[in-house]
C-alpha atoms as a PDB file:
ATOM      1  CA  MET A   1     112.350 174.700 220.380  1.00  0.00           C
ATOM      2  CA  PHE A   2     109.220 174.453 222.476  1.00  0.00           C
ATOM      3  CA  TYR A   3     105.697 173.565 221.420  1.00  0.00           C
ATOM      4  CA  HIS A   4     102.548 174.459 223.319  1.00  0.00           C
ATOM      5  CA  SER A   5      99.344 172.447 223.613  1.00  0.00           C
ATOM      6  CA  GLN A   6      96.333 174.602 224.492  1.00  0.00           C
ATOM      7  CA  ASN A   7      95.350 172.493 227.472  1.00  0.00           C
ATOM      8  CA  LEU A   8      95.922 172.559 231.208  1.00  0.00           C
ATOM      9  CA  ILE A   9      97.857 169.861 233.064  1.00  0.00           C
ATOM     10  CA  ASN A  10      95.096 169.722 235.735  1.00  0.00           C
ATOM     11  CA  PRO A  11      91.460 170.884 235.685  1.00  0.00           C
ATOM     12  CA  ILE A  12      90.302 174.145 237.273  1.00  0.00           C
ATOM     13  CA  VAL A  13      87.541 173.172 239.706  1.00  0.00           C
ATOM     14  CA  PRO A  14      84.771 175.799 239.946  1.00  0.00           C
ATOM     15  CA  ASP A  15      83.836 177.430 243.251  1.00  0.00           C
ATOM     16  CA  GLU A  16      83.024 180.886 244.579  1.00  0.00           C
ATOM     17  CA  PRO A  17      85.564 183.716 244.093  1.00  0.00           C
ATOM     18  CA  ASP A  18      87.929 184.075 247.042  1.00  0.00           C
ATOM     19  CA  PRO A  19      90.429 186.989 246.831  1.00  0.00           C
ATOM     20  CA  SER A  20      92.150 186.003 250.082  1.00  0.00           C
ATOM     21  CA  ALA A  21      92.790 182.480 248.788  1.00  0.00           C
ATOM     22  CA  ALA A  22      94.046 183.985 245.534  1.00  0.00           C
ATOM     23  CA  ASN A  23      96.548 186.106 247.413  1.00  0.00           C
ATOM     24  CA  ALA A  24      97.805 183.166 249.484  1.00  0.00           C
ATOM     25  CA  LEU A  25      98.276 181.248 246.251  1.00  0.00           C
ATOM     26  CA  GLN A  26     100.438 184.067 244.904  1.00  0.00           C
ATOM     27  CA  GLU A  27     103.204 182.748 247.176  1.00  0.00           C
ATOM     28  CA  GLY A  28     103.074 179.465 245.285  1.00  0.00           C
ATOM     29  CA  LEU A  29     103.447 181.370 242.027  1.00  0.00           C
ATOM     30  CA  GLY A  30     105.859 184.247 242.578  1.00  0.00           C
ATOM     31  CA  GLY A  31     107.383 183.490 245.972  1.00  0.00           C
ATOM     32  CA  GLN A  32     110.978 182.490 246.601  1.00  0.00           C
ATOM     33  CA  PHE A  33     110.008 178.786 246.478  1.00  0.00           C
ATOM     34  CA  GLY A  34     107.137 179.139 243.987  1.00  0.00           C
ATOM     35  CA  GLU A  35     106.489 177.796 240.510  1.00  0.00           C
ATOM     36  CA  MET A  36     108.120 180.698 238.680  1.00  0.00           C
ATOM     37  CA  ARG A  37     111.372 179.969 240.463  1.00  0.00           C
ATOM     38  CA  THR A  38     111.311 176.227 239.842  1.00  0.00           C
ATOM     39  CA  MET A  39     110.560 176.835 236.169  1.00  0.00           C
ATOM     40  CA  MET A  40     113.417 179.298 235.713  1.00  0.00           C
ATOM     41  CA  GLN A  41     115.907 177.439 237.895  1.00  0.00           C
ATOM     42  CA  PHE A  42     115.536 174.081 236.156  1.00  0.00           C
ATOM     43  CA  LEU A  43     115.455 175.597 232.659  1.00  0.00           C
ATOM     44  CA  PHE A  44     118.556 177.700 233.297  1.00  0.00           C
ATOM     45  CA  GLN A  45     120.369 174.683 234.708  1.00  0.00           C
ATOM     46  CA  SER A  46     119.488 172.671 231.597  1.00  0.00           C
ATOM     47  CA  PHE A  47     120.371 175.489 229.177  1.00  0.00           C
ATOM     48  CA  ASN A  48     123.736 175.988 230.911  1.00  0.00           C
ATOM     49  CA  PHE A  49     124.432 172.265 231.386  1.00  0.00           C
ATOM     50  CA  ARG A  50     128.069 171.228 230.887  1.00  0.00           C
ATOM     51  CA  GLY A  51     129.500 167.885 229.900  1.00  0.00           C
ATOM     52  CA  ASN A  52     127.974 164.804 228.290  1.00  0.00           C
ATOM     53  CA  ALA A  53     125.839 163.468 231.185  1.00  0.00           C
ATOM     54  CA  THR A  54     122.791 163.740 228.928  1.00  0.00           C
ATOM     55  CA  PRO A  55     120.327 161.690 231.038  1.00  0.00           C
ATOM     56  CA  TYR A  56     120.755 164.161 233.917  1.00  0.00           C
ATOM     57  CA  MET A  57     120.275 167.133 231.623  1.00  0.00           C
ATOM     58  CA  ASP A  58     117.146 165.512 230.177  1.00  0.00           C
ATOM     59  CA  LEU A  59     115.784 164.957 233.675  1.00  0.00           C
ATOM     60  CA  ILE A  60     116.355 168.543 234.821  1.00  0.00           C
ATOM     61  CA  GLN A  61     114.964 169.954 231.590  1.00  0.00           C
ATOM     62  CA  GLY A  62     111.903 167.686 231.576  1.00  0.00           C
ATOM     63  CA  VAL A  63     110.968 168.847 235.063  1.00  0.00           C
ATOM     64  CA  GLY A  64     111.608 172.449 234.008  1.00  0.00           C
ATOM     65  CA  ILE A  65     109.296 172.139 231.015  1.00  0.00           C
ATOM     66  CA  GLU A  66     106.594 170.685 233.248  1.00  0.00           C
ATOM     67  CA  GLU A  67     107.005 173.704 235.524  1.00  0.00           C
ATOM     68  CA  ILE A  68     105.948 175.939 232.627  1.00  0.00           C
ATOM     69  CA  SER A  69     102.591 174.159 232.727  1.00  0.00           C
ATOM     70  CA  HIS A  70     102.472 174.642 236.514  1.00  0.00           C
ATOM     71  CA  VAL A  71     102.975 178.390 236.106  1.00  0.00           C
ATOM     72  CA  GLU A  72     100.094 178.393 233.627  1.00  0.00           C
ATOM     73  CA  LEU A  73      97.876 176.309 235.925  1.00  0.00           C
ATOM     74  CA  ILE A  74      98.481 178.335 239.068  1.00  0.00           C
ATOM     75  CA  THR A  75      98.064 181.621 237.165  1.00  0.00           C
ATOM     76  CA  LYS A  76      94.716 180.485 235.770  1.00  0.00           C
ATOM     77  CA  THR A  77      93.664 179.346 239.249  1.00  0.00           C
ATOM     78  CA  ILE A  78      94.482 182.698 240.865  1.00  0.00           C
ATOM     79  CA  SER A  79      92.578 184.481 238.112  1.00  0.00           C
ATOM     80  CA  GLN A  80      89.600 182.159 238.637  1.00  0.00           C
ATOM     81  CA  LEU A  81      89.622 182.906 242.376  1.00  0.00           C
ATOM     82  CA  LEU A  82      89.597 186.646 241.646  1.00  0.00           C
ATOM     83  CA  ASP A  83      87.283 186.832 238.661  1.00  0.00           C
ATOM     84  CA  GLY A  84      83.811 188.095 239.496  1.00  0.00           C
ATOM     85  CA  SER A  85      84.707 188.849 243.111  1.00  0.00           C
ATOM     86  CA  ALA A  86      83.369 192.397 242.771  1.00  0.00           C
ATOM     87  CA  ARG A  87      79.832 191.032 242.184  1.00  0.00           C
ATOM     88  CA  PHE A  88      79.236 194.001 239.933  1.00  0.00           C
ATOM     89  CA  GLN A  89      76.352 194.406 237.484  1.00  0.00           C
ATOM     90  CA  GLU A  90      76.332 197.381 235.145  1.00  0.00           C
ATOM     91  CA  ASP A  91      74.497 198.818 232.188  1.00  0.00           C
ATOM     92  CA  GLN A  92      76.015 199.432 228.763  1.00  0.00           C
ATOM     93  CA  PHE A  93      77.402 202.799 229.845  1.00  0.00           C
ATOM     94  CA  GLY A  94      79.410 201.365 232.718  1.00  0.00           C
ATOM     95  CA  SER A  95      77.093 202.688 235.397  1.00  0.00           C
ATOM     96  CA  SER A  96      75.910 200.640 238.335  1.00  0.00           C
ATOM     97  CA  ASP A  97      72.208 199.962 238.620  1.00  0.00           C
ATOM     98  CA  GLU A  98      72.435 200.857 242.296  1.00  0.00           C
ATOM     99  CA  GLU A  99      72.559 204.567 242.985  1.00  0.00           C
ATOM    100  CA  GLY A 100      75.735 205.638 244.750  1.00  0.00           C
ATOM    101  CA  SER A 101      77.465 202.262 244.562  1.00  0.00           C
ATOM    102  CA  VAL A 102      81.092 201.891 243.481  1.00  0.00           C
ATOM    103  CA  ALA A 103      81.978 199.098 241.091  1.00  0.00           C
ATOM    104  CA  LEU A 104      85.223 198.027 242.764  1.00  0.00           C
ATOM    105  CA  ASN A 105      84.483 199.217 246.292  1.00  0.00           C
ATOM    106  CA  MET A 106      85.494 195.890 247.818  1.00  0.00           C
ATOM    107  CA  ALA A 107      88.882 195.837 246.073  1.00  0.00           C
ATOM    108  CA  LYS A 108      90.523 198.343 248.385  1.00  0.00           C
ATOM    109  CA  GLU A 109      89.779 196.096 251.370  1.00  0.00           C
ATOM    110  CA  GLN A 110      91.603 193.084 249.919  1.00  0.00           C
ATOM    111  CA  GLN A 111      95.060 191.919 250.955  1.00  0.00           C
ATOM    112  CA  ASN A 112      96.453 192.839 247.557  1.00  0.00           C
ATOM    113  CA  PRO A 113      94.491 195.614 245.799  1.00  0.00           C
ATOM    114  CA  HIS A 114      97.000 195.357 242.927  1.00  0.00           C
ATOM    115  CA  HIS A 115      94.956 192.358 241.790  1.00  0.00           C
ATOM    116  CA  TYR A 116      92.314 194.921 240.812  1.00  0.00           C
ATOM    117  CA  ILE A 117      94.429 198.004 240.078  1.00  0.00           C
ATOM    118  CA  MET A 118      97.127 196.322 237.992  1.00  0.00           C
ATOM    119  CA  GLY A 119      95.737 192.944 237.037  1.00  0.00           C
ATOM    120  CA  ALA A 120      92.006 193.451 236.325  1.00  0.00           C
ATOM    121  CA  GLN A 121      91.156 190.522 238.615  1.00  0.00           C
ATOM    122  CA  SER A 122      93.985 188.276 237.517  1.00  0.00           C
ATOM    123  CA  ALA A 123      97.322 186.864 238.698  1.00  0.00           C
ATOM    124  CA  LEU A 124     100.509 188.906 239.042  1.00  0.00           C
ATOM    125  CA  PRO A 125     104.222 187.870 239.102  1.00  0.00           C
ATOM    126  CA  VAL A 126     104.509 188.607 242.836  1.00  0.00           C
ATOM    127  CA  ASP A 127     104.507 186.792 246.163  1.00  0.00           C
ATOM    128  CA  ALA A 128     101.745 186.916 248.792  1.00  0.00           C
ATOM    129  CA  ALA A 129     103.162 190.168 250.191  1.00  0.00           C
ATOM    130  CA  GLY A 130     103.114 191.812 246.766  1.00  0.00           C
ATOM    131  CA  ASN A 131     106.898 191.669 246.299  1.00  0.00           C
ATOM    132  CA  PRO A 132     107.868 191.245 242.612  1.00  0.00           C
ATOM    133  CA  TRP A 133     109.386 187.947 241.545  1.00  0.00           C
ATOM    134  CA  SER A 134     113.167 188.184 241.313  1.00  0.00           C
ATOM    135  CA  GLY A 135     115.676 186.411 239.112  1.00  0.00           C
ATOM    136  CA  SER A 136     118.015 186.374 242.111  1.00  0.00           C
ATOM    137  CA  TYR A 137     115.965 183.427 243.428  1.00  0.00           C
ATOM    138  CA  VAL A 138     117.416 181.219 240.664  1.00  0.00           C
ATOM    139  CA  HIS A 139     120.366 178.989 241.602  1.00  0.00           C
ATOM    140  CA  ASN A 140     122.538 177.596 238.813  1.00  0.00           C
ATOM    141  CA  HIS A 141     125.824 176.481 240.352  1.00  0.00           C
ATOM    142  CA  GLY A 142     127.344 174.718 237.359  1.00  0.00           C
ATOM    143  CA  ASN A 143     128.066 171.708 239.588  1.00  0.00           C
ATOM    144  CA  LEU A 144     125.702 168.809 238.933  1.00  0.00           C
ATOM    145  CA  VAL A 145     125.612 167.387 242.482  1.00  0.00           C
ATOM    146  CA  LEU A 146     125.130 170.811 244.039  1.00  0.00           C
ATOM    147  CA  ASP A 147     122.399 171.711 241.521  1.00  0.00           C
ATOM    148  CA  LEU A 148     120.538 168.456 242.201  1.00  0.00           C
ATOM    149  CA  MET A 149     120.741 168.937 245.970  1.00  0.00           C
ATOM    150  CA  ASP A 150     119.558 172.534 245.623  1.00  0.00           C
ATOM    151  CA  ASN A 151     116.650 171.353 243.470  1.00  0.00           C
ATOM    152  CA  LEU A 152     115.686 168.715 246.015  1.00  0.00           C
ATOM    153  CA  VAL A 153     115.584 171.359 248.775  1.00  0.00           C
ATOM    154  CA  LEU A 154     113.579 173.674 246.512  1.00  0.00           C
ATOM    155  CA  GLU A 155     110.924 171.049 245.748  1.00  0.00           C
ATOM    156  CA  ALA A 156     110.715 169.958 249.401  1.00  0.00           C
ATOM    157  CA  THR A 157     110.302 173.556 250.585  1.00  0.00           C
ATOM    158  CA  GLY A 158     107.733 174.318 247.911  1.00  0.00           C
ATOM    159  CA  ARG A 159     105.791 171.199 248.886  1.00  0.00           C
ATOM    160  CA  ILE A 160     105.602 172.084 252.578  1.00  0.00           C
ATOM    161  CA  GLN A 161     104.581 175.666 251.773  1.00  0.00           C
ATOM    162  CA  LYS A 162     101.818 174.446 249.466  1.00  0.00           C
ATOM    163  CA  SER A 163     100.593 172.138 252.244  1.00  0.00           C
ATOM    164  CA  ARG A 164     100.304 175.205 254.479  1.00  0.00           C
ATOM    165  CA  ILE A 165      98.392 177.111 251.779  1.00  0.00           C
ATOM    166  CA  TYR A 166      96.029 174.130 251.459  1.00  0.00           C
ATOM    167  CA  GLN A 167      95.217 174.530 255.165  1.00  0.00           C
ATOM    168  CA  MET A 168      94.340 178.213 254.717  1.00  0.00           C
ATOM    169  CA  SER A 169      91.170 177.768 252.670  1.00  0.00           C
ATOM    170  CA  SER A 170      88.469 175.207 251.952  1.00  0.00           C
ATOM    171  CA  ASN A 171      87.808 176.765 248.539  1.00  0.00           C
ATOM    172  CA  LYS A 172      87.562 173.930 245.993  1.00  0.00           C
ATOM    173  CA  THR A 173      89.285 175.911 243.238  1.00  0.00           C
ATOM    174  CA  LEU A 174      92.337 176.514 245.405  1.00  0.00           C
ATOM    175  CA  ARG A 175      92.461 173.029 246.906  1.00  0.00           C
ATOM    176  CA  ALA A 176      92.224 171.157 243.598  1.00  0.00           C
ATOM    177  CA  THR A 177      95.177 173.033 242.138  1.00  0.00           C
ATOM    178  CA  ILE A 178      97.324 173.109 245.266  1.00  0.00           C
ATOM    179  CA  ALA A 179      96.762 169.370 245.866  1.00  0.00           C
ATOM    180  CA  PHE A 180      97.941 168.579 242.341  1.00  0.00           C
ATOM    181  CA  LEU A 181     101.060 170.707 242.841  1.00  0.00           C
ATOM    182  CA  ILE A 182     101.805 168.996 246.178  1.00  0.00           C
ATOM    183  CA  VAL A 183     101.699 165.614 244.424  1.00  0.00           C
ATOM    184  CA  ARG A 184     103.879 166.759 241.533  1.00  0.00           C
ATOM    185  CA  ASP A 185     106.378 168.362 243.926  1.00  0.00           C
ATOM    186  CA  GLU A 186     106.791 164.942 245.525  1.00  0.00           C
ATOM    187  CA  ALA A 187     107.416 163.420 242.085  1.00  0.00           C
ATOM    188  CA  HIS A 188     110.091 166.040 241.458  1.00  0.00           C
ATOM    189  CA  GLN A 189     111.642 165.376 244.862  1.00  0.00           C
ATOM    190  CA  ALA A 190     111.864 161.729 243.824  1.00  0.00           C
ATOM    191  CA  ALA A 191     113.434 162.717 240.491  1.00  0.00           C
ATOM    192  CA  PHE A 192     116.266 164.713 242.013  1.00  0.00           C
ATOM    193  CA  ALA A 193     116.770 162.232 244.860  1.00  0.00           C
ATOM    194  CA  LYS A 194     116.992 159.368 242.338  1.00  0.00           C
ATOM    195  CA  ALA A 195     119.483 161.340 240.249  1.00  0.00           C
ATOM    196  CA  LEU A 196     121.698 161.847 243.301  1.00  0.00           C
ATOM    197  CA  GLU A 197     121.357 158.154 244.121  1.00  0.00           C
ATOM    198  CA  LYS A 198     122.464 157.220 240.581  1.00  0.00           C
ATOM    199  CA  LEU A 199     125.541 159.405 241.064  1.00  0.00           C
ATOM    200  CA  GLY A 200     126.400 157.470 244.209  1.00  0.00           C
ATOM    201  CA  VAL A 201     125.517 160.283 246.595  1.00  0.00           C
ATOM    202  CA  ASP A 202     124.035 159.059 249.886  1.00  0.00           C
ATOM    203  CA  TRP A 203     121.590 161.936 249.874  1.00  0.00           C
ATOM    204  CA  GLY A 204     119.420 160.330 252.572  1.00  0.00           C
ATOM    205  CA  LYS A 205     122.166 160.924 255.136  1.00  0.00           C
ATOM    206  CA  ILE A 206     123.266 164.305 253.772  1.00  0.00           C
ATOM    207  CA  LEU A 207     119.791 165.702 253.191  1.00  0.00           C
ATOM    208  CA  PRO A 208     116.849 163.603 254.375  1.00  0.00           C
ATOM    209  CA  ALA A 209     113.648 164.507 252.573  1.00  0.00           C
ATOM    210  CA  PRO A 210     111.104 166.102 254.930  1.00  0.00           C
ATOM    211  CA  LYS A 211     108.684 163.513 256.255  1.00  0.00           C
ATOM    212  CA  PHE A 212     105.112 164.729 256.463  1.00  0.00           C
ATOM    213  CA  ASP A 213     102.018 162.903 255.321  1.00  0.00           C
ATOM    214  CA  SER A 214     100.313 165.103 252.741  1.00  0.00           C
ATOM    215  CA  SER A 215      98.081 162.138 251.833  1.00  0.00           C
ATOM    216  CA  GLN A 216      95.877 163.221 254.731  1.00  0.00           C
ATOM    217  CA  PHE A 217      94.424 165.741 252.265  1.00  0.00           C
ATOM    218  CA  PRO A 218      91.675 163.924 250.311  1.00  0.00           C
ATOM    219  CA  GLU A 219      92.464 165.665 247.006  1.00  0.00           C
ATOM    220  CA  VAL A 220      96.118 164.644 247.368  1.00  0.00           C
ATOM    221  CA  ARG A 221      95.233 161.072 248.324  1.00  0.00           C
ATOM    222  CA  ARG A 222      93.107 160.663 245.180  1.00  0.00           C
ATOM    223  CA  LEU A 223      95.973 161.773 242.927  1.00  0.00           C
ATOM    224  CA  MET A 224      98.480 159.574 244.757  1.00  0.00           C
ATOM    225  CA  ASP A 225      96.159 156.608 244.279  1.00  0.00           C
ATOM    226  CA  LEU A 226      96.454 157.314 240.545  1.00  0.00           C
ATOM    227  CA  GLY A 227     100.250 157.149 240.846  1.00  0.00           C
ATOM    228  CA  LEU A 228     100.895 160.785 239.837  1.00  0.00           C
ATOM    229  CA  HIS A 229     103.560 161.154 242.527  1.00  0.00           C
ATOM    230  CA  ARG A 230     105.756 158.520 240.841  1.00  0.00           C
ATOM    231  CA  GLU A 231     105.505 159.678 237.196  1.00  0.00           C
ATOM    232  CA  GLN A 232     107.739 162.108 235.327  1.00  0.00           C
ATOM    233  CA  TYR A 233     107.340 163.401 231.790  1.00  0.00           C
ATOM    234  CA  THR A 234     109.935 164.187 229.100  1.00  0.00           C
ATOM    235  CA  PHE A 235     107.809 166.507 226.922  1.00  0.00           C
ATOM    236  CA  ARG A 236     110.255 165.678 224.124  1.00  0.00           C
ATOM    237  CA  LEU A 237     109.400 165.109 220.472  1.00  0.00           C
ATOM    238  CA  ASP A 238     112.914 163.874 219.605  1.00  0.00           C
ATOM    239  CA  GLY A 239     113.481 161.318 222.343  1.00  0.00           C
ATOM    240  CA  SER A 240     114.917 161.573 225.834  1.00  0.00           C
ATOM    241  CA  MET A 241     117.330 159.674 228.066  1.00  0.00           C
ATOM    242  CA  MET A 242     115.448 160.606 231.243  1.00  0.00           C
ATOM    243  CA  GLU A 243     114.321 157.019 231.805  1.00  0.00           C
ATOM    244  CA  GLN A 244     117.920 156.024 232.559  1.00  0.00           C
ATOM    245  CA  ILE A 245     117.506 158.070 235.753  1.00  0.00           C
ATOM    246  CA  PHE A 246     113.785 158.103 236.521  1.00  0.00           C
ATOM    247  CA  SER A 247     112.986 154.393 236.729  1.00  0.00           C
ATOM    248  CA  GLY A 248     113.110 151.551 239.204  1.00  0.00           C
ATOM    249  CA  PRO A 249     112.349 151.718 242.942  1.00  0.00           C
ATOM    250  CA  SER A 250     111.453 155.055 244.476  1.00  0.00           C
ATOM    251  CA  PRO A 251     114.350 156.627 246.406  1.00  0.00           C
ATOM    252  CA  PHE A 252     111.969 157.014 249.348  1.00  0.00           C
ATOM    253  CA  ASN A 253     112.014 153.210 249.857  1.00  0.00           C
ATOM    254  CA  ASP A 254     108.231 152.948 250.077  1.00  0.00           C
ATOM    255  CA  GLY A 255     107.787 150.060 247.642  1.00  0.00           C
ATOM    256  CA  THR A 256     106.640 152.243 244.730  1.00  0.00           C
ATOM    257  CA  GLN A 257     108.175 152.332 241.247  1.00  0.00           C
ATOM    258  CA  LEU A 258     109.186 155.346 239.142  1.00  0.00           C
ATOM    259  CA  THR A 259     107.758 155.641 235.617  1.00  0.00           C
ATOM    260  CA  THR A 260     108.918 157.923 232.800  1.00  0.00           C
ATOM    261  CA  LEU A 261     106.291 158.965 230.234  1.00  0.00           C
ATOM    262  CA  LYS A 262     106.428 161.242 227.205  1.00  0.00           C
ATOM    263  CA  GLU A 263     103.594 163.392 228.543  1.00  0.00           C
ATOM    264  CA  PRO A 264     100.834 163.323 231.190  1.00  0.00           C
ATOM    265  CA  ARG A 265      98.096 160.781 230.641  1.00  0.00           C
ATOM    266  CA  GLU A 266      95.388 163.482 230.597  1.00  0.00           C
ATOM    267  CA  SER A 267      95.006 167.176 229.796  1.00  0.00           C
ATOM    268  CA  PHE A 268      92.129 169.547 230.456  1.00  0.00           C
ATOM    269  CA  PRO A 269      90.447 172.532 228.776  1.00  0.00           C
ATOM    270  CA  ILE A 270      91.494 176.067 229.654  1.00  0.00           C
ATOM    271  CA  PRO A 271      88.551 178.066 231.054  1.00  0.00           C
ATOM    272  CA  GLN A 272      87.840 181.260 229.137  1.00  0.00           C
ATOM    273  CA  ALA A 273      88.006 184.431 231.190  1.00  0.00           C
ATOM    274  CA  PRO A 274      84.880 186.577 230.728  1.00  0.00           C
ATOM    275  CA  GLU A 275      84.979 190.269 229.900  1.00  0.00           C
ATOM    276  CA  ARG A 276      85.126 192.591 232.915  1.00  0.00           C
ATOM    277  CA  PRO A 277      83.572 195.963 232.037  1.00  0.00           C
ATOM    278  CA  GLU A 278      84.041 197.253 235.591  1.00  0.00           C
ATOM    279  CA  GLU A 279      87.799 196.823 235.014  1.00  0.00           C
ATOM    280  CA  PHE A 280      87.605 198.386 231.539  1.00  0.00           C
ATOM    281  CA  ALA A 281      88.684 195.034 230.163  1.00  0.00           C
ATOM    282  CA  PRO A 282      85.999 194.336 227.551  1.00  0.00           C
ATOM    283  CA  GLY A 283      87.932 192.276 225.032  1.00  0.00           C
ATOM    284  CA  LEU A 284      87.057 193.019 221.399  1.00  0.00           C
ATOM    285  CA  ASP A 285      84.250 195.420 220.573  1.00  0.00           C
ATOM    286  CA  ALA A 286      82.044 194.686 217.564  1.00  0.00           C
ATOM    287  CA  GLU A 287      84.191 196.671 215.107  1.00  0.00           C
ATOM    288  CA  LEU A 288      87.462 195.069 216.204  1.00  0.00           C
ATOM    289  CA  GLN A 289      85.835 191.618 216.226  1.00  0.00           C
ATOM    290  CA  ALA A 290      84.665 192.093 212.645  1.00  0.00           C
ATOM    291  CA  LEU A 291      88.163 193.151 211.604  1.00  0.00           C
ATOM    292  CA  ALA A 292      89.736 190.174 213.395  1.00  0.00           C
ATOM    293  CA  ASP A 293      87.242 187.745 211.815  1.00  0.00           C
ATOM    294  CA  ALA A 294      87.888 189.174 208.351  1.00  0.00           C
ATOM    295  CA  PHE A 295      91.640 188.896 208.807  1.00  0.00           C
ATOM    296  CA  THR A 296      91.323 185.291 210.024  1.00  0.00           C
ATOM    297  CA  GLU A 297      89.206 184.415 207.002  1.00  0.00           C
ATOM    298  CA  PHE A 298      91.783 186.056 204.727  1.00  0.00           C
ATOM    299  CA  LYS A 299      94.646 184.070 206.291  1.00  0.00           C
ATOM    300  CA  GLU A 300      92.738 180.780 206.111  1.00  0.00           C
ATOM    301  CA  SER A 301      92.108 181.339 202.420  1.00  0.00           C
ATOM    302  CA  GLY A 302      95.855 181.685 201.912  1.00  0.00           C
ATOM    303  CA  GLY A 303      95.396 185.275 200.815  1.00  0.00           C
ATOM    304  CA  LYS A 304      93.852 184.041 197.565  1.00  0.00           C
ATOM    305  CA  THR A 305      90.706 186.088 197.355  1.00  0.00           C
ATOM    306  CA  ASN A 306      89.272 188.739 195.109  1.00  0.00           C
ATOM    307  CA  GLN A 307      87.898 190.580 198.084  1.00  0.00           C
ATOM    308  CA  ASN A 308      89.820 193.271 199.937  1.00  0.00           C
ATOM    309  CA  ILE A 309      89.446 193.884 203.631  1.00  0.00           C
ATOM    310  CA  GLY A 310      88.275 197.412 204.295  1.00  0.00           C
ATOM    311  CA  ILE A 311      89.590 199.493 207.141  1.00  0.00           C
ATOM    312  CA  ASN A 312      86.372 198.979 209.081  1.00  0.00           C
ATOM    313  CA  GLY A 313      86.501 195.207 208.762  1.00  0.00           C
ATOM    314  CA  THR A 314      83.983 195.020 205.870  1.00  0.00           C
ATOM    315  CA  LYS A 315      84.729 193.375 202.549  1.00  0.00           C
ATOM    316  CA  ASP A 316      85.047 195.530 199.462  1.00  0.00           C
ATOM    317  CA  GLU A 317      84.491 193.990 196.055  1.00  0.00           C
END
């Protein structure tokens, strides 16, 4: 069973909308080496795990559960980069206050107009070219060593791609999220490399981890100074054996130590997306809001009330 805390694993930093940055970030979400793939690959490997090597299963699953939070974070970031990009002001009837203007005129000029046609200024399960995410990206070999090596390549490739996306925009919203994901990808590289090391595999000769200094990015450097690249989380309420793998010296031989924690040290509020009338995405109107409020009140009272909820959301005696 899984439990969800209504918080983000990293804060969304405010900045101006940037549809081009949002589309580049789609590769980090729905691309072949993006967060949707890592989430599904690690979870499927853990769900299909064979044998009694429980610490390795706990490690793969813990990383997979964290990837769920990365999918949430990167989705919220893309939506934040898109939201309000039309710069549209309208009256209550959905008409622009400028004669002859078109509410979403700019949308057709963007790299991915589906962000406006299909998503109402929000993220989609696609890559930067608009190709739908595919389950064929997921590798689950059933062989522990091969799965761990595949995962190490996946995290290394995702990390280098995210470093390229970082270089594509100076937008603070994009850079804060992508820097966090770069740091966590390095932690996951360390996790799978350490697991291979524990199995006696000389992975450094078979598959050397790519060497590039992402700490040149100031947002990345700040997170590394906090040690986030050497932590891994179990997200387990019933105990985990992950620490048998993720502990001791880093497999990158840089003098750092690996630390297993139950959960991240901090969490952050989820920004609320405003209504978008120009996208016909208003949320609840007054009548529906009244009905929802009445139903919530009824549930909170345990259904023990002498009042009945009318069809229009009013209370009948």
